[in-house]
């Protein structure tokens, strides 16, 4: 698979910014991708060395808008730990002001 089809987008939140200090970056990934594919995709896309990949499924939540009710989509999240000294500039430039 192409790295752009595996990595959908980065996950930006307060919790993920706390993980960046430890060298861990969070991405929303394709539901069918496994850890080795995610590792290869991050290494090819950003030119970094990946040490560890942890994945989890984010379950859907019930949503309601007026009389219409439904569910949000479920998706897969990957937390990628980089080797010491490696960083991804995509996250460094998107600092949250507060």
Protein backbone atom coordinates (compact mmCIF):
# COMPACT_ATOMS: atom_id res chain seq x y z
CA UNK A 1 0.00 0.00 0.00
CA UNK A 2 1.01 3.57 -0.60
CA UNK A 3 2.05 5.51 2.57
CA UNK A 4 -0.51 8.22 1.74
CA UNK A 5 -3.31 5.65 1.73
CA UNK A 6 -2.25 4.19 5.10
CA UNK A 7 -1.72 7.44 7.04
CA UNK A 8 -4.95 9.42 6.82
CA UNK A 9 -4.09 12.40 9.03
CA UNK A 10 -2.39 13.33 12.31
CA UNK A 11 -4.47 13.46 15.48
CA UNK A 12 -4.20 16.90 17.08
CA UNK A 13 -5.25 17.17 20.74
CA UNK A 14 -3.82 18.14 24.11
CA UNK A 15 -3.07 14.52 24.90
CA UNK A 16 -1.14 13.97 21.67
CA UNK A 17 0.94 17.11 22.26
CA UNK A 18 1.90 15.74 25.68
CA UNK A 19 3.10 12.54 23.96
CA UNK A 20 5.27 14.47 21.49
CA UNK A 21 7.67 15.35 24.33
CA UNK A 22 8.30 11.61 24.72
CA UNK A 23 8.86 11.16 20.97
CA UNK A 24 5.44 9.62 20.30
CA UNK A 25 3.25 10.82 17.43
CA UNK A 26 -0.40 9.93 16.85
CA UNK A 27 -2.03 9.30 13.45
CA UNK A 28 -5.41 8.25 12.16
CA UNK A 29 -4.71 5.25 9.91
CA UNK A 30 -6.55 2.94 7.56
CA UNK A 31 -8.64 0.32 9.39
CA UNK A 32 -7.04 -2.53 7.43
CA UNK A 33 -3.40 -1.49 8.02
CA UNK A 34 -1.32 -3.53 10.45
CA UNK A 35 1.66 -2.42 12.52
CA UNK A 36 4.38 -3.29 10.02
CA UNK A 37 2.61 -1.39 7.23
CA UNK A 38 2.14 1.63 9.50
CA UNK A 39 5.82 1.56 10.48
CA UNK A 40 6.96 1.44 6.84
CA UNK A 41 4.53 4.19 5.83
CA UNK A 42 5.74 6.61 8.55
CA UNK A 43 9.39 5.88 7.77
CA UNK A 44 8.88 6.49 4.04
CA UNK A 45 6.62 9.53 4.40
CA UNK A 46 8.66 11.45 7.00
CA UNK A 47 12.18 9.98 6.70
CA UNK A 48 12.44 8.95 10.36
CA UNK A 49 13.25 5.73 12.22
CA UNK A 50 10.30 4.11 14.01
CA UNK A 51 11.00 2.05 17.13
CA UNK A 52 7.49 1.02 18.21
CA UNK A 53 3.90 1.16 16.92
CA UNK A 54 0.82 0.83 19.12
CA UNK A 55 -2.66 0.66 17.58
CA UNK A 56 -6.16 0.90 18.95
CA UNK A 57 -9.67 1.03 17.58
CA UNK A 58 -11.71 4.12 18.48
CA UNK A 59 -15.31 3.04 18.85
CA UNK A 60 -18.22 4.97 17.39
CA UNK A 61 -20.34 7.21 19.59
CA UNK A 62 -24.08 7.76 19.44
CA UNK A 63 -24.99 11.12 17.89
CA UNK A 64 -28.31 12.92 17.66
CA UNK A 65 -29.48 15.93 15.68
CA UNK A 66 -33.11 16.72 16.37
CA UNK A 67 -35.22 13.65 15.71
CA UNK A 68 -32.49 11.97 13.65
CA UNK A 69 -30.19 9.68 15.56
CA UNK A 70 -27.18 7.72 14.39
CA UNK A 71 -23.58 6.93 15.19
CA UNK A 72 -20.24 8.49 14.35
CA UNK A 73 -17.71 6.37 12.46
CA UNK A 74 -15.30 4.09 14.22
CA UNK A 75 -11.63 4.48 13.22
CA UNK A 76 -8.14 3.19 13.91
CA UNK A 77 -5.48 5.15 15.78
CA UNK A 78 -1.73 4.50 15.73
CA UNK A 79 0.76 5.88 18.26
CA UNK A 80 4.22 5.76 16.72
CA UNK A 81 7.37 6.05 18.85
CA UNK A 82 10.42 7.39 17.05
CA UNK A 83 14.08 6.68 17.74
CA UNK A 84 15.84 9.26 19.94
CA UNK A 85 16.84 12.34 17.96
CA UNK A 86 14.14 11.94 15.30
CA UNK A 87 11.24 14.39 15.03
CA UNK A 88 8.39 15.03 12.61
CA UNK A 89 8.24 18.71 11.65
CA UNK A 90 4.54 18.50 10.81
CA UNK A 91 3.69 18.43 14.51
CA UNK A 92 6.31 20.92 15.64
CA UNK A 93 4.88 23.76 13.53
CA UNK A 94 1.29 23.31 14.73
CA UNK A 95 1.72 24.49 18.31
CA UNK A 96 -1.48 25.30 20.15
CA UNK A 97 -1.66 28.76 21.67
CA UNK A 98 -3.44 29.04 24.94
